[in-house]
Amino acid sequence: MEFFTIILEKSSSRQVLPDNFVKMLDGHQPQNMKPRQAGNGLRKLWDVEVVFDTDGSMYLDRGWNQFVRAYDLRHGYFLVFRYDGNATFAVKVFDTTMCRRRYQDDDDASMLCLFFLSIRLCLTPI
């Protein structure tokens, strides 16, 4: 399953996950998730605690802030999550230029920037 979110707060100490993702877990409530920056294989997995509130919403909580700092996630960044199973997410990060962020340990962030820029140009009124 894949889903996206946009960082809308300056300080993101926790990240809400979509209700449809929670439904897909079919009642299983994991205690931890392991996000990783997409493109780095399994070299760096982050331990992030999962919490549920009283209405069943699921959040990435303790440990999420370290992930945010490590990848310098900022207001307006677009994140694409891919659930790999076994409580693991691959996270693709796009910055405010609509380009995929490249990181030192990134293996696959090649031409996505050109793709998004071409879409932007096509949608810009003349």
PDB file of N, CA and C in Angstrom:
ATOM      1  N   MET A   1       0.854  -1.177   0.000  1.00  0.00           N
ATOM      2  CA  MET A   1       0.000   0.000   0.000  1.00  0.00           C
ATOM      3  C   MET A   1       0.897   1.236   0.000  1.00  0.00           C
ATOM      4  N   GLU A   2       0.484   2.249  -0.752  1.00  0.00           N
ATOM      5  CA  GLU A   2       1.189   3.524  -0.771  1.00  0.00           C
ATOM      6  C   GLU A   2       0.224   4.642  -0.395  1.00  0.00           C
ATOM      7  N   PHE A   3       0.764   5.658   0.254  1.00  0.00           N
ATOM      8  CA  PHE A   3      -0.006   6.855   0.555  1.00  0.00           C
ATOM      9  C   PHE A   3       0.971   8.010   0.674  1.00  0.00           C
ATOM     10  N   PHE A   4       0.436   9.235   0.670  1.00  0.00           N
ATOM     11  CA  PHE A   4       1.306  10.398   0.792  1.00  0.00           C
ATOM     12  C   PHE A   4       0.805  11.309   1.892  1.00  0.00           C
ATOM     13  N   THR A   5       1.691  12.196   2.317  1.00  0.00           N
ATOM     14  CA  THR A   5       1.344  13.250   3.254  1.00  0.00           C
ATOM     15  C   THR A   5       2.203  14.461   2.925  1.00  0.00           C
ATOM     16  N   ILE A   6       1.730  15.605   3.342  1.00  0.00           N
ATOM     17  CA  ILE A   6       2.488  16.841   3.173  1.00  0.00           C
ATOM     18  C   ILE A   6       2.788  17.379   4.566  1.00  0.00           C
ATOM     19  N   ILE A   7       4.035  17.749   4.804  1.00  0.00           N
ATOM     20  CA  ILE A   7       4.407  18.310   6.098  1.00  0.00           C
ATOM     21  C   ILE A   7       3.793  19.712   6.176  1.00  0.00           C
ATOM     22  N   LEU A   8       2.873  19.895   7.104  1.00  0.00           N
ATOM     23  CA  LEU A   8       2.184  21.179   7.226  1.00  0.00           C
ATOM     24  C   LEU A   8       2.546  21.921   8.503  1.00  0.00           C
ATOM     25  N   GLU A   9       3.218  21.255   9.403  1.00  0.00           N
ATOM     26  CA  GLU A   9       3.610  21.899  10.654  1.00  0.00           C
ATOM     27  C   GLU A   9       5.118  22.096  10.661  1.00  0.00           C
ATOM     28  N   LYS A  10       5.546  23.173  11.297  1.00  0.00           N
ATOM     29  CA  LYS A  10       6.989  23.425  11.378  1.00  0.00           C
ATOM     30  C   LYS A  10       7.686  22.354  12.203  1.00  0.00           C
ATOM     31  N   SER A  11       7.072  21.951  13.284  1.00  0.00           N
ATOM     32  CA  SER A  11       7.656  20.939  14.153  1.00  0.00           C
ATOM     33  C   SER A  11       6.771  19.703  14.113  1.00  0.00           C
ATOM     34  N   SER A  12       7.272  18.637  13.534  1.00  0.00           N
ATOM     35  CA  SER A  12       6.484  17.416  13.416  1.00  0.00           C
ATOM     36  C   SER A  12       7.009  16.368  14.379  1.00  0.00           C
ATOM     37  N   SER A  13       6.470  16.364  15.590  1.00  0.00           N
ATOM     38  CA  SER A  13       6.908  15.371  16.558  1.00  0.00           C
ATOM     39  C   SER A  13       6.187  14.048  16.364  1.00  0.00           C
ATOM     40  N   ARG A  14       5.051  14.074  15.639  1.00  0.00           N
ATOM     41  CA  ARG A  14       4.365  12.834  15.298  1.00  0.00           C
ATOM     42  C   ARG A  14       3.646  12.998  13.969  1.00  0.00           C
ATOM     43  N   GLN A  15       3.398  11.869  13.322  1.00  0.00           N
ATOM     44  CA  GLN A  15       2.812  11.863  11.984  1.00  0.00           C
ATOM     45  C   GLN A  15       1.589  10.961  11.981  1.00  0.00           C
ATOM     46  N   VAL A  16       0.440  11.513  11.603  1.00  0.00           N
ATOM     47  CA  VAL A  16      -0.782  10.709  11.508  1.00  0.00           C
ATOM     48  C   VAL A  16      -0.716   9.855  10.245  1.00  0.00           C
ATOM     49  N   LEU A  17      -1.240   8.633  10.351  1.00  0.00           N
ATOM     50  CA  LEU A  17      -1.311   7.731   9.205  1.00  0.00           C
ATOM     51  C   LEU A  17      -2.760   7.636   8.749  1.00  0.00           C
ATOM     52  N   PRO A  18      -3.006   7.436   7.455  1.00  0.00           N
ATOM     53  CA  PRO A  18      -4.377   7.443   6.939  1.00  0.00           C
ATOM     54  C   PRO A  18      -5.245   6.323   7.518  1.00  0.00           C
ATOM     55  N   ASP A  19      -6.530   6.628   7.663  1.00  0.00           N
ATOM     56  CA  ASP A  19      -7.479   5.640   8.186  1.00  0.00           C
ATOM     57  C   ASP A  19      -7.516   4.379   7.324  1.00  0.00           C
ATOM     58  N   ASN A  20      -7.416   4.518   6.004  1.00  0.00           N
ATOM     59  CA  ASN A  20      -7.433   3.331   5.130  1.00  0.00           C
ATOM     60  C   ASN A  20      -6.233   2.429   5.371  1.00  0.00           C
ATOM     61  N   PHE A  21      -5.101   3.013   5.727  1.00  0.00           N
ATOM     62  CA  PHE A  21      -3.943   2.195   6.075  1.00  0.00           C
ATOM     63  C   PHE A  21      -4.222   1.419   7.354  1.00  0.00           C
ATOM     64  N   VAL A  22      -4.806   2.084   8.344  1.00  0.00           N
ATOM     65  CA  VAL A  22      -5.133   1.427   9.611  1.00  0.00           C
ATOM     66  C   VAL A  22      -6.112   0.283   9.355  1.00  0.00           C
ATOM     67  N   LYS A  23      -7.100   0.500   8.489  1.00  0.00           N
ATOM     68  CA  LYS A  23      -8.065  -0.554   8.151  1.00  0.00           C
ATOM     69  C   LYS A  23      -7.376  -1.735   7.478  1.00  0.00           C
ATOM     70  N   MET A  24      -6.371  -1.445   6.633  1.00  0.00           N
ATOM     71  CA  MET A  24      -5.659  -2.507   5.938  1.00  0.00           C
ATOM     72  C   MET A  24      -4.933  -3.423   6.926  1.00  0.00           C
ATOM     73  N   LEU A  25      -4.544  -2.882   8.069  1.00  0.00           N
ATOM     74  CA  LEU A  25      -3.865  -3.696   9.086  1.00  0.00           C
ATOM     75  C   LEU A  25      -4.812  -4.688   9.744  1.00  0.00           C
ATOM     76  N   ASP A  26      -6.116  -4.523   9.500  1.00  0.00           N
ATOM     77  CA  ASP A  26      -7.141  -5.476   9.923  1.00  0.00           C
ATOM     78  C   ASP A  26      -7.078  -5.798  11.420  1.00  0.00           C
ATOM     79  N   GLY A  27      -7.065  -4.739  12.222  1.00  0.00           N
ATOM     80  CA  GLY A  27      -7.106  -4.919  13.667  1.00  0.00           C
ATOM     81  C   GLY A  27      -5.757  -5.106  14.335  1.00  0.00           C
ATOM     82  N   HIS A  28      -4.726  -5.371  13.560  1.00  0.00           N
ATOM     83  CA  HIS A  28      -3.382  -5.499  14.131  1.00  0.00           C
ATOM     84  C   HIS A  28      -2.880  -4.109  14.501  1.00  0.00           C
ATOM     85  N   GLN A  29      -2.454  -3.941  15.736  1.00  0.00           N
ATOM     86  CA  GLN A  29      -1.950  -2.639  16.184  1.00  0.00           C
ATOM     87  C   GLN A  29      -0.479  -2.785  16.579  1.00  0.00           C
ATOM     88  N   PRO A  30       0.415  -2.549  15.614  1.00  0.00           N
ATOM     89  CA  PRO A  30       1.845  -2.691  15.919  1.00  0.00           C
ATOM     90  C   PRO A  30       2.299  -1.658  16.944  1.00  0.00           C
ATOM     91  N   GLN A  31       3.300  -1.999  17.710  1.00  0.00           N
ATOM     92  CA  GLN A  31       3.852  -1.072  18.695  1.00  0.00           C
ATOM     93  C   GLN A  31       4.902  -0.166  18.078  1.00  0.00           C
ATOM     94  N   ASN A  32       5.549  -0.635  17.018  1.00  0.00           N
ATOM     95  CA  ASN A  32       6.616   0.128  16.367  1.00  0.00           C
ATOM     96  C   ASN A  32       6.514  -0.024  14.853  1.00  0.00           C
ATOM     97  N   MET A  33       7.027   0.976  14.162  1.00  0.00           N
ATOM     98  CA  MET A  33       7.206   0.920  12.713  1.00  0.00           C
ATOM     99  C   MET A  33       8.662   1.265  12.439  1.00  0.00           C
ATOM    100  N   LYS A  34       9.142   0.855  11.276  1.00  0.00           N
ATOM    101  CA  LYS A  34      10.525   1.110  10.905  1.00  0.00           C
ATOM    102  C   LYS A  34      10.572   1.817   9.552  1.00  0.00           C
ATOM    103  N   PRO A  35      10.432   3.158   9.556  1.00  0.00           N
ATOM    104  CA  PRO A  35      10.579   3.871   8.283  1.00  0.00           C
ATOM    105  C   PRO A  35      12.043   3.900   7.852  1.00  0.00           C
ATOM    106  N   ARG A  36      12.233   3.998   6.556  1.00  0.00           N
ATOM    107  CA  ARG A  36      13.568   4.156   5.981  1.00  0.00           C
ATOM    108  C   ARG A  36      13.443   5.071   4.793  1.00  0.00           C
ATOM    109  N   GLN A  37      14.500   5.759   4.478  1.00  0.00           N
ATOM    110  CA  GLN A  37      14.514   6.622   3.302  1.00  0.00           C
ATOM    111  C   GLN A  37      14.557   5.707   2.086  1.00  0.00           C
ATOM    112  N   ALA A  38      13.600   5.861   1.170  1.00  0.00           N
ATOM    113  CA  ALA A  38      13.543   5.013  -0.018  1.00  0.00           C
ATOM    114  C   ALA A  38      14.825   5.165  -0.818  1.00  0.00           C
ATOM    115  N   GLY A  39      15.314   4.062  -1.324  1.00  0.00           N
ATOM    116  CA  GLY A  39      16.512   4.101  -2.141  1.00  0.00           C
ATOM    117  C   GLY A  39      17.773   3.715  -1.398  1.00  0.00           C
ATOM    118  N   ASN A  40      17.662   3.462  -0.089  1.00  0.00           N
ATOM    119  CA  ASN A  40      18.877   3.086   0.637  1.00  0.00           C
ATOM    120  C   ASN A  40      18.839   1.633   1.084  1.00  0.00           C
ATOM    121  N   GLY A  41      18.002   0.836   0.452  1.00  0.00           N
ATOM    122  CA  GLY A  41      17.904  -0.564   0.841  1.00  0.00           C
ATOM    123  C   GLY A  41      17.459  -0.655   2.281  1.00  0.00           C
ATOM    124  N   LEU A  42      18.034  -1.559   3.000  1.00  0.00           N
ATOM    125  CA  LEU A  42      17.702  -1.701   4.426  1.00  0.00           C
ATOM    126  C   LEU A  42      18.868  -1.246   5.295  1.00  0.00           C
ATOM    127  N   ARG A  43      19.704  -0.361   4.757  1.00  0.00           N
ATOM    128  CA  ARG A  43      20.882   0.081   5.502  1.00  0.00           C
ATOM    129  C   ARG A  43      20.534   0.855   6.747  1.00  0.00           C
ATOM    130  N   LYS A  44      19.479   1.670   6.718  1.00  0.00           N
ATOM    131  CA  LYS A  44      19.137   2.483   7.884  1.00  0.00           C
ATOM    132  C   LYS A  44      17.639   2.423   8.130  1.00  0.00           C
ATOM    133  N   LEU A  45      17.252   1.680   9.145  1.00  0.00           N
ATOM    134  CA  LEU A  45      15.871   1.620   9.590  1.00  0.00           C
ATOM    135  C   LEU A  45      15.769   2.410  10.885  1.00  0.00           C
ATOM    136  N   TRP A  46      14.716   3.185  11.013  1.00  0.00           N
ATOM    137  CA  TRP A  46      14.492   3.999  12.209  1.00  0.00           C
ATOM    138  C   TRP A  46      13.439   3.334  13.074  1.00  0.00           C
ATOM    139  N   ASP A  47      13.666   3.264  14.359  1.00  0.00           N
ATOM    140  CA  ASP A  47      12.672   2.733  15.291  1.00  0.00           C
ATOM    141  C   ASP A  47      11.732   3.851  15.694  1.00  0.00           C
ATOM    142  N   VAL A  48      10.466   3.708  15.344  1.00  0.00           N
ATOM    143  CA  VAL A  48       9.475   4.735  15.639  1.00  0.00           C
ATOM    144  C   VAL A  48       8.296   4.070  16.352  1.00  0.00           C
ATOM    145  N   GLU A  49       7.944   4.615  17.499  1.00  0.00           N
ATOM    146  CA  GLU A  49       6.829   4.093  18.268  1.00  0.00           C
ATOM    147  C   GLU A  49       5.512   4.471  17.587  1.00  0.00           C
ATOM    148  N   VAL A  50       4.538   3.567  17.657  1.00  0.00           N
ATOM    149  CA  VAL A  50       3.207   3.802  17.116  1.00  0.00           C
ATOM    150  C   VAL A  50       2.248   3.991  18.280  1.00  0.00           C
ATOM    151  N   VAL A  51       1.387   5.007  18.190  1.00  0.00           N
ATOM    152  CA  VAL A  51       0.354   5.211  19.201  1.00  0.00           C
ATOM    153  C   VAL A  51      -1.005   5.316  18.501  1.00  0.00           C
ATOM    154  N   PHE A  52      -2.036   4.934  19.217  1.00  0.00           N
ATOM    155  CA  PHE A  52      -3.408   5.023  18.746  1.00  0.00           C
ATOM    156  C   PHE A  52      -4.174   5.890  19.717  1.00  0.00           C
ATOM    157  N   ASP A  53      -5.005   6.799  19.190  1.00  0.00           N
ATOM    158  CA  ASP A  53      -5.833   7.588  20.099  1.00  0.00           C
ATOM    159  C   ASP A  53      -7.177   6.891  20.281  1.00  0.00           C
ATOM    160  N   THR A  54      -8.052   7.486  21.060  1.00  0.00           N
ATOM    161  CA  THR A  54      -9.303   6.832  21.430  1.00  0.00           C
ATOM    162  C   THR A  54     -10.239   6.582  20.253  1.00  0.00           C
ATOM    163  N   ASP A  55     -10.115   7.365  19.179  1.00  0.00           N
ATOM    164  CA  ASP A  55     -10.992   7.124  18.021  1.00  0.00           C
ATOM    165  C   ASP A  55     -10.340   6.219  16.977  1.00  0.00           C
ATOM    166  N   GLY A  56      -9.195   5.611  17.316  1.00  0.00           N
ATOM    167  CA  GLY A  56      -8.551   4.647  16.428  1.00  0.00           C
ATOM    168  C   GLY A  56      -7.546   5.222  15.460  1.00  0.00           C
ATOM    169  N   SER A  57      -7.309   6.531  15.504  1.00  0.00           N
ATOM    170  CA  SER A  57      -6.294   7.117  14.626  1.00  0.00           C
ATOM    171  C   SER A  57      -4.912   6.627  15.042  1.00  0.00           C
ATOM    172  N   MET A  58      -4.063   6.403  14.043  1.00  0.00           N
ATOM    173  CA  MET A  58      -2.722   5.848  14.261  1.00  0.00           C
ATOM    174  C   MET A  58      -1.680   6.911  13.967  1.00  0.00           C
ATOM    175  N   TYR A  59      -0.687   7.014  14.833  1.00  0.00           N
ATOM    176  CA  TYR A  59       0.366   8.025  14.699  1.00  0.00           C
ATOM    177  C   TYR A  59       1.740   7.382  14.814  1.00  0.00           C
ATOM    178  N   LEU A  60       2.690   7.897  14.035  1.00  0.00           N
ATOM    179  CA  LEU A  60       4.100   7.627  14.273  1.00  0.00           C
ATOM    180  C   LEU A  60       4.519   8.649  15.316  1.00  0.00           C
ATOM    181  N   ASP A  61       5.034   8.191  16.435  1.00  0.00           N
ATOM    182  CA  ASP A  61       5.271   9.086  17.564  1.00  0.00           C
ATOM    183  C   ASP A  61       6.749   9.121  17.940  1.00  0.00           C
ATOM    184  N   ARG A  62       7.103   8.623  19.094  1.00  0.00           N
ATOM    185  CA  ARG A  62       8.478   8.706  19.584  1.00  0.00           C
ATOM    186  C   ARG A  62       9.441   8.080  18.569  1.00  0.00           C
ATOM    187  N   GLY A  63      10.406   8.846  18.147  1.00  0.00           N
ATOM    188  CA  GLY A  63      11.363   8.423  17.126  1.00  0.00           C
ATOM    189  C   GLY A  63      11.111   9.087  15.776  1.00  0.00           C
ATOM    190  N   TRP A  64       9.870   9.518  15.526  1.00  0.00           N
ATOM    191  CA  TRP A  64       9.567  10.193  14.263  1.00  0.00           C
ATOM    192  C   TRP A  64      10.353  11.492  14.134  1.00  0.00           C
ATOM    193  N   ASN A  65      10.479  12.228  15.224  1.00  0.00           N
ATOM    194  CA  ASN A  65      11.199  13.502  15.199  1.00  0.00           C
ATOM    195  C   ASN A  65      12.659  13.310  14.782  1.00  0.00           C
ATOM    196  N   GLN A  66      13.273  12.205  15.173  1.00  0.00           N
ATOM    197  CA  GLN A  66      14.657  11.929  14.758  1.00  0.00           C
ATOM    198  C   GLN A  66      14.727  11.679  13.249  1.00  0.00           C
ATOM    199  N   PHE A  67      13.723  10.983  12.708  1.00  0.00           N
ATOM    200  CA  PHE A  67      13.656  10.762  11.262  1.00  0.00           C
ATOM    201  C   PHE A  67      13.516  12.101  10.540  1.00  0.00           C
ATOM    202  N   VAL A  68      12.635  12.967  11.062  1.00  0.00           N
ATOM    203  CA  VAL A  68      12.415  14.300  10.478  1.00  0.00           C
ATOM    204  C   VAL A  68      13.718  15.097  10.466  1.00  0.00           C
ATOM    205  N   ARG A  69      14.439  15.084  11.568  1.00  0.00           N
ATOM    206  CA  ARG A  69      15.707  15.832  11.635  1.00  0.00           C
ATOM    207  C   ARG A  69      16.772  15.233  10.732  1.00  0.00           C
ATOM    208  N   ALA A  70      16.870  13.916  10.707  1.00  0.00           N
ATOM    209  CA  ALA A  70      17.912  13.258   9.911  1.00  0.00           C
ATOM    210  C   ALA A  70      17.769  13.556   8.423  1.00  0.00           C
ATOM    211  N   TYR A  71      16.525  13.663   7.946  1.00  0.00           N
ATOM    212  CA  TYR A  71      16.290  13.915   6.521  1.00  0.00           C
ATOM    213  C   TYR A  71      15.853  15.342   6.257  1.00  0.00           C
ATOM    214  N   ASP A  72      16.012  16.196   7.259  1.00  0.00           N
ATOM    215  CA  ASP A  72      15.774  17.635   7.128  1.00  0.00           C
ATOM    216  C   ASP A  72      14.401  17.917   6.498  1.00  0.00           C
ATOM    217  N   LEU A  73      13.368  17.233   7.022  1.00  0.00           N
ATOM    218  CA  LEU A  73      12.019  17.419   6.498  1.00  0.00           C
ATOM    219  C   LEU A  73      11.484  18.756   6.968  1.00  0.00           C
ATOM    220  N   ARG A  74      10.908  19.504   6.038  1.00  0.00           N
ATOM    221  CA  ARG A  74      10.454  20.862   6.329  1.00  0.00           C
ATOM    222  C   ARG A  74       9.020  21.073   5.884  1.00  0.00           C
ATOM    223  N   HIS A  75       8.483  22.198   6.323  1.00  0.00           N
ATOM    224  CA  HIS A  75       7.134  22.610   5.947  1.00  0.00           C
ATOM    225  C   HIS A  75       6.990  22.598   4.425  1.00  0.00           C
ATOM    226  N   GLY A  76       5.944  21.939   3.923  1.00  0.00           N
ATOM    227  CA  GLY A  76       5.691  21.893   2.491  1.00  0.00           C
ATOM    228  C   GLY A  76       6.291  20.688   1.784  1.00  0.00           C
ATOM    229  N   TYR A  77       7.109  19.901   2.466  1.00  0.00           N
ATOM    230  CA  TYR A  77       7.673  18.714   1.834  1.00  0.00           C
ATOM    231  C   TYR A  77       6.580  17.669   1.653  1.00  0.00           C
ATOM    232  N   PHE A  78       6.689  16.926   0.574  1.00  0.00           N
ATOM    233  CA  PHE A  78       5.723  15.909   0.172  1.00  0.00           C
ATOM    234  C   PHE A  78       6.379  14.556   0.410  1.00  0.00           C
ATOM    235  N   LEU A  79       5.757  13.703   1.210  1.00  0.00           N
ATOM    236  CA  LEU A  79       6.311  12.389   1.527  1.00  0.00           C
ATOM    237  C   LEU A  79       5.426  11.300   0.943  1.00  0.00           C
ATOM    238  N   VAL A  80       6.023  10.342   0.257  1.00  0.00           N
ATOM    239  CA  VAL A  80       5.305   9.184  -0.251  1.00  0.00           C
ATOM    240  C   VAL A  80       5.772   7.981   0.556  1.00  0.00           C
ATOM    241  N   PHE A  81       4.818   7.336   1.234  1.00  0.00           N
ATOM    242  CA  PHE A  81       5.100   6.156   2.051  1.00  0.00           C
ATOM    243  C   PHE A  81       4.693   4.905   1.272  1.00  0.00           C
ATOM    244  N   ARG A  82       5.548   3.904   1.276  1.00  0.00           N
ATOM    245  CA  ARG A  82       5.203   2.589   0.735  1.00  0.00           C
ATOM    246  C   ARG A  82       5.380   1.581   1.859  1.00  0.00           C
ATOM    247  N   TYR A  83       4.285   0.920   2.214  1.00  0.00           N
ATOM    248  CA  TYR A  83       4.344  -0.079   3.271  1.00  0.00           C
ATOM    249  C   TYR A  83       4.900  -1.362   2.688  1.00  0.00           C
ATOM    250  N   ASP A  84       6.032  -1.807   3.223  1.00  0.00           N
ATOM    251  CA  ASP A  84       6.705  -3.000   2.718  1.00  0.00           C
ATOM    252  C   ASP A  84       6.290  -4.259   3.472  1.00  0.00           C
ATOM    253  N   GLY A  85       5.413  -4.118   4.447  1.00  0.00           N
ATOM    254  CA  GLY A  85       5.080  -5.253   5.310  1.00  0.00           C
ATOM    255  C   GLY A  85       6.073  -5.316   6.455  1.00  0.00           C
ATOM    256  N   ASN A  86       5.845  -6.219   7.369  1.00  0.00           N
ATOM    257  CA  ASN A  86       6.744  -6.380   8.520  1.00  0.00           C
ATOM    258  C   ASN A  86       7.026  -5.061   9.221  1.00  0.00           C
ATOM    259  N   ALA A  87       6.024  -4.179   9.289  1.00  0.00           N
ATOM    260  CA  ALA A  87       6.122  -2.894   9.996  1.00  0.00           C
ATOM    261  C   ALA A  87       7.212  -1.986   9.426  1.00  0.00           C
ATOM    262  N   THR A  88       7.471  -2.076   8.114  1.00  0.00           N
ATOM    263  CA  THR A  88       8.518  -1.283   7.468  1.00  0.00           C
ATOM    264  C   THR A  88       7.916  -0.393   6.378  1.00  0.00           C
ATOM    265  N   PHE A  89       8.325   0.889   6.375  1.00  0.00           N
ATOM    266  CA  PHE A  89       7.933   1.848   5.347  1.00  0.00           C
ATOM    267  C   PHE A  89       9.160   2.308   4.581  1.00  0.00           C
ATOM    268  N   ALA A  90       9.025   2.444   3.266  1.00  0.00           N
ATOM    269  CA  ALA A  90      10.001   3.181   2.473  1.00  0.00           C
ATOM    270  C   ALA A  90       9.394   4.565   2.260  1.00  0.00           C
ATOM    271  N   VAL A  91      10.156   5.610   2.520  1.00  0.00           N
ATOM    272  CA  VAL A  91       9.645   6.977   2.438  1.00  0.00           C
ATOM    273  C   VAL A  91      10.427   7.742   1.379  1.00  0.00           C
ATOM    274  N   LYS A  92       9.710   8.248   0.360  1.00  0.00           N
ATOM    275  CA  LYS A  92      10.310   9.120  -0.649  1.00  0.00           C
ATOM    276  C   LYS A  92      10.002  10.552  -0.247  1.00  0.00           C
ATOM    277  N   VAL A  93      11.008  11.404  -0.331  1.00  0.00           N
ATOM    278  CA  VAL A  93      10.883  12.794   0.103  1.00  0.00           C
ATOM    279  C   VAL A  93      11.018  13.715  -1.102  1.00  0.00           C
ATOM    280  N   PHE A  94      10.012  14.593  -1.279  1.00  0.00           N
ATOM    281  CA  PHE A  94      10.039  15.609  -2.323  1.00  0.00           C
ATOM    282  C   PHE A  94      10.010  16.965  -1.636  1.00  0.00           C
ATOM    283  N   ASP A  95      10.881  17.873  -2.060  1.00  0.00           N
ATOM    284  CA  ASP A  95      10.945  19.185  -1.400  1.00  0.00           C
ATOM    285  C   ASP A  95      10.005  20.173  -2.084  1.00  0.00           C
ATOM    286  N   THR A  96      10.080  21.434  -1.719  1.00  0.00           N
ATOM    287  CA  THR A  96       9.147  22.443  -2.231  1.00  0.00           C
ATOM    288  C   THR A  96       9.399  22.809  -3.700  1.00  0.00           C
ATOM    289  N   THR A  97      10.488  22.317  -4.294  1.00  0.00           N
ATOM    290  CA  THR A  97      10.712  22.511  -5.727  1.00  0.00           C
ATOM    291  C   THR A  97      10.006  21.414  -6.530  1.00  0.00           C
ATOM    292  N   MET A  98       9.343  20.499  -5.841  1.00  0.00           N
ATOM    293  CA  MET A  98       8.652  19.339  -6.404  1.00  0.00           C
ATOM    294  C   MET A  98       9.632  18.294  -6.911  1.00  0.00           C
ATOM    295  N   CYS A  99      10.867  18.344  -6.460  1.00  0.00           N
ATOM    296  CA  CYS A  99      11.882  17.378  -6.854  1.00  0.00           C
ATOM    297  C   CYS A  99      12.166  16.429  -5.696  1.00  0.00           C
ATOM    298  N   ARG A 100      12.469  15.212  -6.049  1.00  0.00           N
ATOM    299  CA  ARG A 100      12.838  14.227  -5.044  1.00  0.00           C
ATOM    300  C   ARG A 100      14.170  14.624  -4.434  1.00  0.00           C
ATOM    301  N   ARG A 101      14.219  14.609  -3.122  1.00  0.00           N
ATOM    302  CA  ARG A 101      15.462  14.938  -2.415  1.00  0.00           C
ATOM    303  C   ARG A 101      16.471  13.820  -2.597  1.00  0.00           C
ATOM    304  N   ARG A 102      17.699  14.205  -2.824  1.00  0.00           N
ATOM    305  CA  ARG A 102      18.803  13.239  -2.894  1.00  0.00           C
ATOM    306  C   ARG A 102      19.538  13.265  -1.572  1.00  0.00           C
ATOM    307  N   TYR A 103      19.832  12.092  -1.087  1.00  0.00           N
ATOM    308  CA  TYR A 103      20.577  11.960   0.160  1.00  0.00           C
ATOM    309  C   TYR A 103      21.838  11.166  -0.109  1.00  0.00           C
ATOM    310  N   GLN A 104      22.755  11.261   0.810  1.00  0.00           N
ATOM    311  CA  GLN A 104      24.049  10.613   0.650  1.00  0.00           C
ATOM    312  C   GLN A 104      23.905   9.106   0.422  1.00  0.00           C
ATOM    313  N   ASP A 105      22.915   8.481   1.064  1.00  0.00           N
ATOM    314  CA  ASP A 105      22.753   7.032   0.963  1.00  0.00           C
ATOM    315  C   ASP A 105      21.695   6.627  -0.058  1.00  0.00           C
ATOM    316  N   ASP A 106      21.331   7.530  -0.982  1.00  0.00           N
ATOM    317  CA  ASP A 106      20.254   7.304  -1.943  1.00  0.00           C
ATOM    318  C   ASP A 106      20.765   6.552  -3.160  1.00  0.00           C
ATOM    319  N   ASP A 107      20.056   5.488  -3.536  1.00  0.00           N
ATOM    320  CA  ASP A 107      20.428   4.693  -4.697  1.00  0.00           C
ATOM    321  C   ASP A 107      19.573   4.968  -5.930  1.00  0.00           C
ATOM    322  N   ASP A 108      18.318   5.508  -5.750  1.00  0.00           N
ATOM    323  CA  ASP A 108      17.400   5.507  -6.886  1.00  0.00           C
ATOM    324  C   ASP A 108      16.663   6.818  -7.154  1.00  0.00           C
ATOM    325  N   ALA A 109      17.176   7.958  -6.755  1.00  0.00           N
ATOM    326  CA  ALA A 109      16.482   9.240  -6.979  1.00  0.00           C
ATOM    327  C   ALA A 109      16.982   9.902  -8.253  1.00  0.00           C
ATOM    328  N   SER A 110      16.872   9.221  -9.357  1.00  0.00           N
ATOM    329  CA  SER A 110      17.527   9.689 -10.581  1.00  0.00           C
ATOM    330  C   SER A 110      16.801  10.820 -11.297  1.00  0.00           C
ATOM    331  N   MET A 111      15.809  10.524 -12.116  1.00  0.00           N
ATOM    332  CA  MET A 111      15.233  11.523 -13.004  1.00  0.00           C
ATOM    333  C   MET A 111      13.857  12.012 -12.556  1.00  0.00           C
ATOM    334  N   LEU A 112      13.462  11.744 -11.326  1.00  0.00           N
ATOM    335  CA  LEU A 112      12.132  12.150 -10.876  1.00  0.00           C
ATOM    336  C   LEU A 112      11.941  13.659 -10.887  1.00  0.00           C
ATOM    337  N   CYS A 113      12.991  14.418 -10.650  1.00  0.00           N
ATOM    338  CA  CYS A 113      12.893  15.875 -10.652  1.00  0.00           C
ATOM    339  C   CYS A 113      12.466  16.363 -12.027  1.00  0.00           C
ATOM    340  N   LEU A 114      13.066  15.863 -13.083  1.00  0.00           N
ATOM    341  CA  LEU A 114      12.717  16.291 -14.437  1.00  0.00           C
ATOM    342  C   LEU A 114      11.270  15.956 -14.752  1.00  0.00           C
ATOM    343  N   PHE A 115      10.791  14.803 -14.296  1.00  0.00           N
ATOM    344  CA  PHE A 115       9.409  14.410 -14.517  1.00  0.00           C
ATOM    345  C   PHE A 115       8.452  15.410 -13.874  1.00  0.00           C
ATOM    346  N   PHE A 116       8.676  15.748 -12.593  1.00  0.00           N
ATOM    347  CA  PHE A 116       7.784  16.668 -11.902  1.00  0.00           C
ATOM    348  C   PHE A 116       7.883  18.088 -12.459  1.00  0.00           C
ATOM    349  N   LEU A 117       9.059  18.507 -12.866  1.00  0.00           N
ATOM    350  CA  LEU A 117       9.186  19.828 -13.478  1.00  0.00           C
ATOM    351  C   LEU A 117       8.441  19.898 -14.800  1.00  0.00           C
ATOM    352  N   SER A 118       8.463  18.820 -15.586  1.00  0.00           N
ATOM    353  CA  SER A 118       7.741  18.832 -16.859  1.00  0.00           C
ATOM    354  C   SER A 118       6.240  18.897 -16.622  1.00  0.00           C
ATOM    355  N   ILE A 119       5.738  18.213 -15.598  1.00  0.00           N
ATOM    356  CA  ILE A 119       4.315  18.305 -15.256  1.00  0.00           C
ATOM    357  C   ILE A 119       3.979  19.728 -14.840  1.00  0.00           C
ATOM    358  N   ARG A 120       4.829  20.333 -14.039  1.00  0.00           N
ATOM    359  CA  ARG A 120       4.592  21.702 -13.573  1.00  0.00           C
ATOM    360  C   ARG A 120       4.523  22.674 -14.751  1.00  0.00           C
ATOM    361  N   LEU A 121       5.430  22.505 -15.705  1.00  0.00           N
ATOM    362  CA  LEU A 121       5.430  23.380 -16.881  1.00  0.00           C
ATOM    363  C   LEU A 121       4.164  23.198 -17.707  1.00  0.00           C
ATOM    364  N   CYS A 122       3.700  21.952 -17.815  1.00  0.00           N
ATOM    365  CA  CYS A 122       2.482  21.691 -18.589  1.00  0.00           C
ATOM    366  C   CYS A 122       1.259  22.290 -17.929  1.00  0.00           C
ATOM    367  N   LEU A 123       1.256  22.379 -16.608  1.00  0.00           N
ATOM    368  CA  LEU A 123       0.090  22.879 -15.893  1.00  0.00           C
ATOM    369  C   LEU A 123       0.120  24.386 -15.670  1.00  0.00           C
ATOM    370  N   THR A 124       1.237  25.027 -15.997  1.00  0.00           N
ATOM    371  CA  THR A 124       1.365  26.471 -15.807  1.00  0.00           C
ATOM    372  C   THR A 124       0.659  27.199 -16.938  1.00  0.00           C
ATOM    373  N   PRO A 125      -0.276  28.125 -16.600  1.00  0.00           N
ATOM    374  CA  PRO A 125      -0.964  28.878 -17.662  1.00  0.00           C
ATOM    375  C   PRO A 125       0.012  29.775 -18.414  1.00  0.00           C
ATOM    376  N   ILE A 126      -0.250  29.917 -19.680  1.00  0.00           N
ATOM    377  CA  ILE A 126       0.599  30.772 -20.526  1.00  0.00           C
ATOM    378  C   ILE A 126       0.038  32.159 -20.598  1.00  0.00           C
TER     379      ILE A 126
END
